[in-house]
Amino acid sequence: YLQGKFGYEAVCHNVDLWTFNRGVGTFLMKVEFEEG
């Protein structure tokens, strides 16, 4: 949310969420990409 001339406006940032499964007993790893 950015302050504009006429108040706040929402700007969308496209996010790609990739989840990696590294095997039993580990935690999932999540990587969020913005602009690649």
Full PDB file with SEQRES, HELIX, SHEET, SSBOND, CRYST1, ORIGX, SCALE, CONECT and MASTER records, all heavy atoms in Angstrom:
SEQRES   1 A   36  TYR LEU GLN GLY LYS PHE GLY TYR GLU ALA VAL CYS HIS          
SEQRES   2 A   36  ASN VAL ASP LEU TRP THR PHE ASN ARG GLY VAL GLY THR          
SEQRES   3 A   36  PHE LEU MET LYS VAL GLU PHE GLU GLU GLY                      
SHEET    1 AA1 2 LEU A   2  GLY A   4  0                                        
SHEET    2 AA1 2 GLY A   7  GLU A   9 -1                                        
SHEET    1 AA2 2 VAL A  15  PHE A  20  0                                        
SHEET    2 AA2 2 MET A  29  GLU A  34 -1                                        
CRYST1    1.000    1.000    1.000  90.00  90.00  90.00 P 1           1          
ORIGX1      1.000000  0.000000  0.000000        0.00000                         
ORIGX2      0.000000  1.000000  0.000000        0.00000                         
ORIGX3      0.000000  0.000000  1.000000        0.00000                         
SCALE1      1.000000  0.000000  0.000000        0.00000                         
SCALE2      0.000000  1.000000  0.000000        0.00000                         
SCALE3      0.000000  0.000000  1.000000        0.00000                         
ATOM      1  N   TYR A   1       0.838  -1.186   0.000  1.00  0.00           N  
ATOM      2  CA  TYR A   1       0.000   0.000   0.000  1.00  0.00           C  
ATOM      3  C   TYR A   1       0.875   1.240   0.000  1.00  0.00           C  
ATOM      4  O   TYR A   1       1.683   1.448   0.897  1.00  0.00           O  
ATOM      5  CB  TYR A   1      -0.946  -0.017   1.200  1.00  0.00           C  
ATOM      6  CG  TYR A   1      -1.925  -1.162   1.105  1.00  0.00           C  
ATOM      7  CD1 TYR A   1      -1.646  -2.389   1.696  1.00  0.00           C  
ATOM      8  CD2 TYR A   1      -3.090  -1.033   0.363  1.00  0.00           C  
ATOM      9  CE1 TYR A   1      -2.528  -3.458   1.575  1.00  0.00           C  
ATOM     10  CE2 TYR A   1      -3.974  -2.092   0.237  1.00  0.00           C  
ATOM     11  CZ  TYR A   1      -3.678  -3.298   0.843  1.00  0.00           C  
ATOM     12  OH  TYR A   1      -4.553  -4.352   0.711  1.00  0.00           O  
ATOM     13  N   LEU A   2       0.706   2.068  -1.057  1.00  0.00           N  
ATOM     14  CA  LEU A   2       1.523   3.257  -1.226  1.00  0.00           C  
ATOM     15  C   LEU A   2       0.659   4.498  -1.143  1.00  0.00           C  
ATOM     16  O   LEU A   2      -0.485   4.515  -1.615  1.00  0.00           O  
ATOM     17  CB  LEU A   2       2.228   3.217  -2.587  1.00  0.00           C  
ATOM     18  CG  LEU A   2       3.144   2.020  -2.839  1.00  0.00           C  
ATOM     19  CD1 LEU A   2       3.649   2.045  -4.271  1.00  0.00           C  
ATOM     20  CD2 LEU A   2       4.302   2.020  -1.860  1.00  0.00           C  
ATOM     21  N   GLN A   3       1.224   5.536  -0.555  1.00  0.00           N  
ATOM     22  CA  GLN A   3       0.526   6.817  -0.463  1.00  0.00           C  
ATOM     23  C   GLN A   3       0.578   7.494  -1.826  1.00  0.00           C  
ATOM     24  O   GLN A   3       1.637   7.683  -2.395  1.00  0.00           O  
ATOM     25  CB  GLN A   3       1.203   7.705   0.594  1.00  0.00           C  
ATOM     26  CG  GLN A   3       0.611   9.089   0.727  1.00  0.00           C  
ATOM     27  CD  GLN A   3      -0.770   9.084   1.343  1.00  0.00           C  
ATOM     28  OE1 GLN A   3      -1.000   8.389   2.316  1.00  0.00           O  
ATOM     29  NE2 GLN A   3      -1.669   9.864   0.796  1.00  0.00           N  
ATOM     30  N   GLY A   4      -0.598   7.812  -2.353  1.00  0.00           N  
ATOM     31  CA  GLY A   4      -0.698   8.505  -3.628  1.00  0.00           C  
ATOM     32  C   GLY A   4      -1.319   9.877  -3.438  1.00  0.00           C  
ATOM     33  O   GLY A   4      -1.562  10.320  -2.307  1.00  0.00           O  
ATOM     34  N   LYS A   5      -1.611  10.560  -4.520  1.00  0.00           N  
ATOM     35  CA  LYS A   5      -2.238  11.881  -4.457  1.00  0.00           C  
ATOM     36  C   LYS A   5      -3.599  11.844  -3.770  1.00  0.00           C  
ATOM     37  O   LYS A   5      -3.988  12.769  -3.089  1.00  0.00           O  
ATOM     38  CB  LYS A   5      -2.419  12.453  -5.856  1.00  0.00           C  
ATOM     39  CG  LYS A   5      -1.194  13.009  -6.468  1.00  0.00           C  
ATOM     40  CD  LYS A   5      -1.543  13.641  -7.811  1.00  0.00           C  
ATOM     41  CE  LYS A   5      -0.346  14.310  -8.402  1.00  0.00           C  
ATOM     42  NZ  LYS A   5      -0.662  14.969  -9.669  1.00  0.00           N  
ATOM     43  N   PHE A   6      -4.324  10.735  -3.984  1.00  0.00           N  
ATOM     44  CA  PHE A   6      -5.701  10.656  -3.499  1.00  0.00           C  
ATOM     45  C   PHE A   6      -5.858   9.613  -2.395  1.00  0.00           C  
ATOM     46  O   PHE A   6      -6.893   8.994  -2.251  1.00  0.00           O  
ATOM     47  CB  PHE A   6      -6.638  10.348  -4.666  1.00  0.00           C  
ATOM     48  CG  PHE A   6      -6.505  11.337  -5.786  1.00  0.00           C  
ATOM     49  CD1 PHE A   6      -5.867  10.988  -6.968  1.00  0.00           C  
ATOM     50  CD2 PHE A   6      -6.984  12.638  -5.661  1.00  0.00           C  
ATOM     51  CE1 PHE A   6      -5.725  11.891  -8.000  1.00  0.00           C  
ATOM     52  CE2 PHE A   6      -6.849  13.552  -6.684  1.00  0.00           C  
ATOM     53  CZ  PHE A   6      -6.209  13.182  -7.855  1.00  0.00           C  
ATOM     54  N   GLY A   7      -4.825   9.393  -1.621  1.00  0.00           N  
ATOM     55  CA  GLY A   7      -4.879   8.405  -0.544  1.00  0.00           C  
ATOM     56  C   GLY A   7      -3.992   7.210  -0.857  1.00  0.00           C  
ATOM     57  O   GLY A   7      -3.119   7.270  -1.716  1.00  0.00           O  
ATOM     58  N   TYR A   8      -4.245   6.139  -0.153  1.00  0.00           N  
ATOM     59  CA  TYR A   8      -3.437   4.927  -0.344  1.00  0.00           C  
ATOM     60  C   TYR A   8      -3.971   4.105  -1.497  1.00  0.00           C  
ATOM     61  O   TYR A   8      -5.173   4.028  -1.705  1.00  0.00           O  
ATOM     62  CB  TYR A   8      -3.447   4.071   0.931  1.00  0.00           C  
ATOM     63  CG  TYR A   8      -2.607   4.657   2.033  1.00  0.00           C  
ATOM     64  CD1 TYR A   8      -3.176   5.442   3.022  1.00  0.00           C  
ATOM     65  CD2 TYR A   8      -1.237   4.435   2.067  1.00  0.00           C  
ATOM     66  CE1 TYR A   8      -2.403   5.992   4.026  1.00  0.00           C  
ATOM     67  CE2 TYR A   8      -0.459   4.975   3.068  1.00  0.00           C  
ATOM     68  CZ  TYR A   8      -1.038   5.756   4.046  1.00  0.00           C  
ATOM     69  OH  TYR A   8      -0.269   6.301   5.032  1.00  0.00           O  
ATOM     70  N   GLU A   9      -3.070   3.514  -2.234  1.00  0.00           N  
ATOM     71  CA  GLU A   9      -3.470   2.603  -3.306  1.00  0.00           C  
ATOM     72  C   GLU A   9      -2.653   1.319  -3.203  1.00  0.00           C  
ATOM     73  O   GLU A   9      -1.506   1.328  -2.779  1.00  0.00           O  
ATOM     74  CB  GLU A   9      -3.307   3.241  -4.673  1.00  0.00           C  
ATOM     75  CG  GLU A   9      -1.886   3.658  -5.007  1.00  0.00           C  
ATOM     76  CD  GLU A   9      -1.795   4.358  -6.353  1.00  0.00           C  
ATOM     77  OE1 GLU A   9      -2.086   5.560  -6.401  1.00  0.00           O  
ATOM     78  OE2 GLU A   9      -1.427   3.680  -7.327  1.00  0.00           O  
ATOM     79  N   ALA A  10      -3.311   0.217  -3.560  1.00  0.00           N  
ATOM     80  CA  ALA A  10      -2.661  -1.091  -3.496  1.00  0.00           C  
ATOM     81  C   ALA A  10      -1.911  -1.351  -4.794  1.00  0.00           C  
ATOM     82  O   ALA A  10      -2.442  -1.146  -5.877  1.00  0.00           O  
ATOM     83  CB  ALA A  10      -3.691  -2.177  -3.257  1.00  0.00           C  
ATOM     84  N   VAL A  11      -0.685  -1.789  -4.651  1.00  0.00           N  
ATOM     85  CA  VAL A  11       0.128  -2.176  -5.798  1.00  0.00           C  
ATOM     86  C   VAL A  11       0.431  -3.665  -5.641  1.00  0.00           C  
ATOM     87  O   VAL A  11       0.924  -4.095  -4.600  1.00  0.00           O  
ATOM     88  CB  VAL A  11       1.436  -1.359  -5.856  1.00  0.00           C  
ATOM     89  CG1 VAL A  11       2.316  -1.831  -6.995  1.00  0.00           C  
ATOM     90  CG2 VAL A  11       1.138   0.119  -5.970  1.00  0.00           C  
ATOM     91  N   CYS A  12       0.111  -4.435  -6.662  1.00  0.00           N  
ATOM     92  CA  CYS A  12       0.301  -5.885  -6.618  1.00  0.00           C  
ATOM     93  C   CYS A  12       1.725  -6.249  -7.019  1.00  0.00           C  
ATOM     94  O   CYS A  12       2.222  -5.805  -8.048  1.00  0.00           O  
ATOM     95  CB  CYS A  12      -0.690  -6.557  -7.562  1.00  0.00           C  
ATOM     96  SG  CYS A  12      -0.399  -8.323  -7.760  1.00  0.00           S  
ATOM     97  N   HIS A  13       2.372  -7.048  -6.167  1.00  0.00           N  
ATOM     98  CA  HIS A  13       3.673  -7.634  -6.507  1.00  0.00           C  
ATOM     99  C   HIS A  13       3.426  -9.120  -6.751  1.00  0.00           C  
ATOM    100  O   HIS A  13       2.996  -9.834  -5.845  1.00  0.00           O  
ATOM    101  CB  HIS A  13       4.677  -7.458  -5.362  1.00  0.00           C  
ATOM    102  CG  HIS A  13       5.091  -6.049  -5.143  1.00  0.00           C  
ATOM    103  ND1 HIS A  13       6.031  -5.412  -5.908  1.00  0.00           N  
ATOM    104  CD2 HIS A  13       4.674  -5.133  -4.232  1.00  0.00           C  
ATOM    105  CE1 HIS A  13       6.187  -4.177  -5.499  1.00  0.00           C  
ATOM    106  NE2 HIS A  13       5.364  -3.981  -4.483  1.00  0.00           N  
ATOM    107  N   ASN A  14       3.681  -9.573  -7.967  1.00  0.00           N  
ATOM    108  CA  ASN A  14       3.497 -10.989  -8.278  1.00  0.00           C  
ATOM    109  C   ASN A  14       4.587 -11.805  -7.590  1.00  0.00           C  
ATOM    110  O   ASN A  14       5.771 -11.485  -7.690  1.00  0.00           O  
ATOM    111  CB  ASN A  14       3.541 -11.226  -9.790  1.00  0.00           C  
ATOM    112  CG  ASN A  14       2.336 -10.615 -10.467  1.00  0.00           C  
ATOM    113  OD1 ASN A  14       1.225 -10.700  -9.953  1.00  0.00           O  
ATOM    114  ND2 ASN A  14       2.541 -10.001 -11.607  1.00  0.00           N  
ATOM    115  N   VAL A  15       4.170 -12.833  -6.867  1.00  0.00           N  
ATOM    116  CA  VAL A  15       5.080 -13.689  -6.121  1.00  0.00           C  
ATOM    117  C   VAL A  15       4.883 -15.126  -6.584  1.00  0.00           C  
ATOM    118  O   VAL A  15       3.755 -15.593  -6.717  1.00  0.00           O  
ATOM    119  CB  VAL A  15       4.805 -13.597  -4.598  1.00  0.00           C  
ATOM    120  CG1 VAL A  15       5.702 -14.543  -3.822  1.00  0.00           C  
ATOM    121  CG2 VAL A  15       4.970 -12.167  -4.109  1.00  0.00           C  
ATOM    122  N   ASP A  16       5.981 -15.803  -6.854  1.00  0.00           N  
ATOM    123  CA  ASP A  16       5.971 -17.240  -7.144  1.00  0.00           C  
ATOM    124  C   ASP A  16       6.565 -17.941  -5.933  1.00  0.00           C  
ATOM    125  O   ASP A  16       7.692 -17.636  -5.527  1.00  0.00           O  
ATOM    126  CB  ASP A  16       6.795 -17.569  -8.386  1.00  0.00           C  
ATOM    127  CG  ASP A  16       6.186 -16.981  -9.650  1.00  0.00           C  
ATOM    128  OD1 ASP A  16       4.958 -17.079  -9.807  1.00  0.00           O  
ATOM    129  OD2 ASP A  16       6.938 -16.425 -10.471  1.00  0.00           O  
ATOM    130  N   LEU A  17       5.800 -18.858  -5.337  1.00  0.00           N  
ATOM    131  CA  LEU A  17       6.253 -19.609  -4.170  1.00  0.00           C  
ATOM    132  C   LEU A  17       6.604 -21.022  -4.594  1.00  0.00           C  
ATOM    133  O   LEU A  17       5.756 -21.744  -5.118  1.00  0.00           O  
ATOM    134  CB  LEU A  17       5.164 -19.636  -3.091  1.00  0.00           C  
ATOM    135  CG  LEU A  17       5.436 -20.503  -1.869  1.00  0.00           C  
ATOM    136  CD1 LEU A  17       6.665 -20.025  -1.115  1.00  0.00           C  
ATOM    137  CD2 LEU A  17       4.224 -20.521  -0.967  1.00  0.00           C  
ATOM    138  N   TRP A  18       7.856 -21.406  -4.396  1.00  0.00           N  
ATOM    139  CA  TRP A  18       8.325 -22.755  -4.688  1.00  0.00           C  
ATOM    140  C   TRP A  18       8.600 -23.461  -3.379  1.00  0.00           C  
ATOM    141  O   TRP A  18       9.246 -22.902  -2.486  1.00  0.00           O  
ATOM    142  CB  TRP A  18       9.603 -22.726  -5.507  1.00  0.00           C  
ATOM    143  CG  TRP A  18       9.462 -22.259  -6.927  1.00  0.00           C  
ATOM    144  CD1 TRP A  18       8.365 -21.713  -7.515  1.00  0.00           C  
ATOM    145  CD2 TRP A  18      10.480 -22.287  -7.919  1.00  0.00           C  
ATOM    146  NE1 TRP A  18       8.622 -21.406  -8.816  1.00  0.00           N  
ATOM    147  CE2 TRP A  18       9.923 -21.747  -9.096  1.00  0.00           C  
ATOM    148  CE3 TRP A  18      11.794 -22.705  -7.938  1.00  0.00           C  
ATOM    149  CZ2 TRP A  18      10.646 -21.628 -10.278  1.00  0.00           C  
ATOM    150  CZ3 TRP A  18      12.517 -22.584  -9.104  1.00  0.00           C  
ATOM    151  CH2 TRP A  18      11.938 -22.056 -10.265  1.00  0.00           C  
ATOM    152  N   THR A  19       8.138 -24.692  -3.248  1.00  0.00           N  
ATOM    153  CA  THR A  19       8.375 -25.494  -2.051  1.00  0.00           C  
ATOM    154  C   THR A  19       9.212 -26.708  -2.416  1.00  0.00           C  
ATOM    155  O   THR A  19       8.890 -27.416  -3.378  1.00  0.00           O  
ATOM    156  CB  THR A  19       7.033 -25.941  -1.425  1.00  0.00           C  
ATOM    157  OG1 THR A  19       6.256 -24.771  -1.143  1.00  0.00           O  
ATOM    158  CG2 THR A  19       7.265 -26.713  -0.139  1.00  0.00           C  
ATOM    159  N   PHE A  20      10.265 -26.925  -1.643  1.00  0.00           N  
ATOM    160  CA  PHE A  20      11.177 -28.044  -1.862  1.00  0.00           C  
ATOM    161  C   PHE A  20      11.049 -29.040  -0.723  1.00  0.00           C  
ATOM    162  O   PHE A  20      11.108 -28.661   0.448  1.00  0.00           O  
ATOM    163  CB  PHE A  20      12.637 -27.560  -1.959  1.00  0.00           C  
ATOM    164  CG  PHE A  20      12.884 -26.728  -3.180  1.00  0.00           C  
ATOM    165  CD1 PHE A  20      12.688 -25.355  -3.153  1.00  0.00           C  
ATOM    166  CD2 PHE A  20      13.303 -27.312  -4.358  1.00  0.00           C  
ATOM    167  CE1 PHE A  20      12.912 -24.582  -4.278  1.00  0.00           C  
ATOM    168  CE2 PHE A  20      13.528 -26.545  -5.499  1.00  0.00           C  
ATOM    169  CZ  PHE A  20      13.332 -25.178  -5.457  1.00  0.00           C  
ATOM    170  N   ASN A  21      10.866 -30.295  -1.079  1.00  0.00           N  
ATOM    171  CA  ASN A  21      10.784 -31.384  -0.098  1.00  0.00           C  
ATOM    172  C   ASN A  21      12.124 -32.105  -0.129  1.00  0.00           C  
ATOM    173  O   ASN A  21      12.457 -32.777  -1.098  1.00  0.00           O  
ATOM    174  CB  ASN A  21       9.647 -32.339  -0.465  1.00  0.00           C  
ATOM    175  CG  ASN A  21       9.483 -33.457   0.527  1.00  0.00           C  
ATOM    176  OD1 ASN A  21      10.384 -33.788   1.286  1.00  0.00           O  
ATOM    177  ND2 ASN A  21       8.308 -34.063   0.515  1.00  0.00           N  
ATOM    178  N   ARG A  22      12.903 -31.964   0.944  1.00  0.00           N  
ATOM    179  CA  ARG A  22      14.244 -32.542   0.983  1.00  0.00           C  
ATOM    180  C   ARG A  22      14.290 -33.902   1.661  1.00  0.00           C  
ATOM    181  O   ARG A  22      15.349 -34.431   1.921  1.00  0.00           O  
ATOM    182  CB  ARG A  22      15.198 -31.569   1.655  1.00  0.00           C  
ATOM    183  CG  ARG A  22      15.266 -30.255   0.872  1.00  0.00           C  
ATOM    184  CD  ARG A  22      16.136 -29.218   1.496  1.00  0.00           C  
ATOM    185  NE  ARG A  22      15.673 -28.912   2.833  1.00  0.00           N  
ATOM    186  CZ  ARG A  22      16.464 -28.468   3.808  1.00  0.00           C  
ATOM    187  NH1 ARG A  22      17.735 -28.280   3.590  1.00  0.00           N  
ATOM    188  NH2 ARG A  22      15.969 -28.202   4.991  1.00  0.00           N  
ATOM    189  N   GLY A  23      13.115 -34.470   1.963  1.00  0.00           N  
ATOM    190  CA  GLY A  23      13.076 -35.825   2.492  1.00  0.00           C  
ATOM    191  C   GLY A  23      12.530 -35.930   3.903  1.00  0.00           C  
ATOM    192  O   GLY A  23      12.364 -34.935   4.607  1.00  0.00           O  
ATOM    193  N   VAL A  24      12.242 -37.156   4.300  1.00  0.00           N  
ATOM    194  CA  VAL A  24      11.674 -37.457   5.613  1.00  0.00           C  
ATOM    195  C   VAL A  24      12.606 -36.955   6.715  1.00  0.00           C  
ATOM    196  O   VAL A  24      13.823 -37.120   6.632  1.00  0.00           O  
ATOM    197  CB  VAL A  24      11.430 -38.977   5.761  1.00  0.00           C  
ATOM    198  CG1 VAL A  24      10.973 -39.328   7.163  1.00  0.00           C  
ATOM    199  CG2 VAL A  24      10.416 -39.441   4.732  1.00  0.00           C  
ATOM    200  N   GLY A  25      12.014 -36.316   7.727  1.00  0.00           N  
ATOM    201  CA  GLY A  25      12.781 -35.819   8.867  1.00  0.00           C  
ATOM    202  C   GLY A  25      13.333 -34.428   8.681  1.00  0.00           C  
ATOM    203  O   GLY A  25      13.928 -33.860   9.594  1.00  0.00           O  
ATOM    204  N   THR A  26      13.137 -33.837   7.496  1.00  0.00           N  
ATOM    205  CA  THR A  26      13.610 -32.465   7.247  1.00  0.00           C  
ATOM    206  C   THR A  26      12.407 -31.526   7.193  1.00  0.00           C  
ATOM    207  O   THR A  26      11.258 -31.962   7.167  1.00  0.00           O  
ATOM    208  CB  THR A  26      14.377 -32.365   5.915  1.00  0.00           C  
ATOM    209  OG1 THR A  26      13.481 -32.654   4.840  1.00  0.00           O  
ATOM    210  CG2 THR A  26      15.550 -33.338   5.882  1.00  0.00           C  
ATOM    211  N   PHE A  27      12.682 -30.246   7.151  1.00  0.00           N  
ATOM    212  CA  PHE A  27      11.628 -29.260   6.994  1.00  0.00           C  
ATOM    213  C   PHE A  27      11.501 -28.893   5.521  1.00  0.00           C  
ATOM    214  O   PHE A  27      12.497 -28.867   4.792  1.00  0.00           O  
ATOM    215  CB  PHE A  27      11.932 -27.997   7.805  1.00  0.00           C  
ATOM    216  CG  PHE A  27      11.802 -28.195   9.274  1.00  0.00           C  
ATOM    217  CD1 PHE A  27      12.911 -28.479  10.045  1.00  0.00           C  
ATOM    218  CD2 PHE A  27      10.565 -28.108   9.895  1.00  0.00           C  
ATOM    219  CE1 PHE A  27      12.799 -28.668  11.414  1.00  0.00           C  
ATOM    220  CE2 PHE A  27      10.436 -28.307  11.253  1.00  0.00           C  
ATOM    221  CZ  PHE A  27      11.556 -28.584  12.019  1.00  0.00           C  
ATOM    222  N   LEU A  28      10.259 -28.630   5.084  1.00  0.00           N  
ATOM    223  CA  LEU A  28      10.053 -28.108   3.740  1.00  0.00           C  
ATOM    224  C   LEU A  28      10.763 -26.760   3.653  1.00  0.00           C  
ATOM    225  O   LEU A  28      10.769 -25.993   4.617  1.00  0.00           O  
ATOM    226  CB  LEU A  28       8.566 -27.921   3.452  1.00  0.00           C  
ATOM    227  CG  LEU A  28       7.713 -29.182   3.405  1.00  0.00           C  
ATOM    228  CD1 LEU A  28       6.237 -28.807   3.303  1.00  0.00           C  
ATOM    229  CD2 LEU A  28       8.121 -30.071   2.248  1.00  0.00           C  
ATOM    230  N   MET A  29      11.358 -26.479   2.520  1.00  0.00           N  
ATOM    231  CA  MET A  29      11.986 -25.182   2.303  1.00  0.00           C  
ATOM    232  C   MET A  29      11.150 -24.425   1.286  1.00  0.00           C  
ATOM    233  O   MET A  29      10.787 -24.977   0.241  1.00  0.00           O  
ATOM    234  CB  MET A  29      13.418 -25.344   1.789  1.00  0.00           C  
ATOM    235  CG  MET A  29      14.361 -25.951   2.813  1.00  0.00           C  
ATOM    236  SD  MET A  29      14.428 -25.108   4.424  1.00  0.00           S  
ATOM    237  CE  MET A  29      14.984 -23.490   3.976  1.00  0.00           C  
ATOM    238  N   LYS A  30      10.837 -23.174   1.607  1.00  0.00           N  
ATOM    239  CA  LYS A  30       9.996 -22.353   0.738  1.00  0.00           C  
ATOM    240  C   LYS A  30      10.799 -21.164   0.242  1.00  0.00           C  
ATOM    241  O   LYS A  30      11.441 -20.474   1.030  1.00  0.00           O  
ATOM    242  CB  LYS A  30       8.767 -21.881   1.502  1.00  0.00           C  
ATOM    243  CG  LYS A  30       7.900 -23.039   1.956  1.00  0.00           C  
ATOM    244  CD  LYS A  30       6.673 -22.557   2.679  1.00  0.00           C  
ATOM    245  CE  LYS A  30       5.814 -23.752   3.048  1.00  0.00           C  
ATOM    246  NZ  LYS A  30       4.458 -23.348   3.382  1.00  0.00           N  
ATOM    247  N   VAL A  31      10.741 -20.956  -1.070  1.00  0.00           N  
ATOM    248  CA  VAL A  31      11.445 -19.833  -1.681  1.00  0.00           C  
ATOM    249  C   VAL A  31      10.411 -18.982  -2.408  1.00  0.00           C  
ATOM    250  O   VAL A  31       9.678 -19.483  -3.257  1.00  0.00           O  
ATOM    251  CB  VAL A  31      12.527 -20.303  -2.676  1.00  0.00           C  
ATOM    252  CG1 VAL A  31      13.280 -19.110  -3.256  1.00  0.00           C  
ATOM    253  CG2 VAL A  31      13.490 -21.282  -2.011  1.00  0.00           C  
ATOM    254  N   GLU A  32      10.338 -17.701  -2.050  1.00  0.00           N  
ATOM    255  CA  GLU A  32       9.435 -16.760  -2.715  1.00  0.00           C  
ATOM    256  C   GLU A  32      10.246 -15.943  -3.706  1.00  0.00           C  
ATOM    257  O   GLU A  32      11.266 -15.349  -3.353  1.00  0.00           O  
ATOM    258  CB  GLU A  32       8.782 -15.814  -1.703  1.00  0.00           C  
ATOM    259  CG  GLU A  32       7.793 -16.491  -0.806  1.00  0.00           C  
ATOM    260  CD  GLU A  32       7.095 -15.520   0.138  1.00  0.00           C  
ATOM    261  OE1 GLU A  32       7.105 -14.287  -0.127  1.00  0.00           O  
ATOM    262  OE2 GLU A  32       6.552 -15.982   1.142  1.00  0.00           O  
ATOM    263  N   PHE A  33       9.779 -15.938  -4.952  1.00  0.00           N  
ATOM    264  CA  PHE A  33      10.444 -15.187  -6.008  1.00  0.00           C  
ATOM    265  C   PHE A  33       9.621 -13.960  -6.359  1.00  0.00           C  
ATOM    266  O   PHE A  33       8.403 -14.035  -6.512  1.00  0.00           O  
ATOM    267  CB  PHE A  33      10.590 -16.041  -7.268  1.00  0.00           C  
ATOM    268  CG  PHE A  33      11.527 -17.198  -7.109  1.00  0.00           C  
ATOM    269  CD1 PHE A  33      11.049 -18.446  -6.730  1.00  0.00           C  
ATOM    270  CD2 PHE A  33      12.878 -17.040  -7.362  1.00  0.00           C  
ATOM    271  CE1 PHE A  33      11.908 -19.516  -6.597  1.00  0.00           C  
ATOM    272  CE2 PHE A  33      13.745 -18.112  -7.228  1.00  0.00           C  
ATOM    273  CZ  PHE A  33      13.272 -19.344  -6.848  1.00  0.00           C  
ATOM    274  N   GLU A  34      10.295 -12.832  -6.494  1.00  0.00           N  
ATOM    275  CA  GLU A  34       9.694 -11.611  -7.017  1.00  0.00           C  
ATOM    276  C   GLU A  34      10.579 -11.144  -8.155  1.00  0.00           C  
ATOM    277  O   GLU A  34      11.798 -11.062  -7.997  1.00  0.00           O  
ATOM    278  CB  GLU A  34       9.585 -10.542  -5.933  1.00  0.00           C  
ATOM    279  CG  GLU A  34       8.581 -10.891  -4.850  1.00  0.00           C  
ATOM    280  CD  GLU A  34       8.441  -9.809  -3.783  1.00  0.00           C  
ATOM    281  OE1 GLU A  34       8.863  -8.657  -4.037  1.00  0.00           O  
ATOM    282  OE2 GLU A  34       7.912 -10.110  -2.711  1.00  0.00           O  
ATOM    283  N   GLU A  35       9.969 -10.894  -9.308  1.00  0.00           N  
ATOM    284  CA  GLU A  35      10.677 -10.478 -10.512  1.00  0.00           C  
ATOM    285  C   GLU A  35      11.790 -11.463 -10.874  1.00  0.00           C  
ATOM    286  O   GLU A  35      12.881 -11.083 -11.300  1.00  0.00           O  
ATOM    287  CB  GLU A  35      11.225  -9.057 -10.349  1.00  0.00           C  
ATOM    288  CG  GLU A  35      10.123  -8.038 -10.166  1.00  0.00           C  
ATOM    289  CD  GLU A  35      10.643  -6.621  -9.991  1.00  0.00           C  
ATOM    290  OE1 GLU A  35      11.851  -6.377 -10.201  1.00  0.00           O  
ATOM    291  OE2 GLU A  35       9.832  -5.755  -9.638  1.00  0.00           O  
ATOM    292  N   GLY A  36      11.515 -12.765 -10.673  1.00  0.00           N  
ATOM    293  CA  GLY A  36      12.441 -13.807 -11.083  1.00  0.00           C  
ATOM    294  C   GLY A  36      13.609 -14.071 -10.148  1.00  0.00           C  
ATOM    295  O   GLY A  36      14.453 -14.906 -10.434  1.00  0.00           O  
TER     296      GLY A  36                                                      
MASTER        0    0    0    0    4    0    0    6  295    1    0    3          
END                                                                             
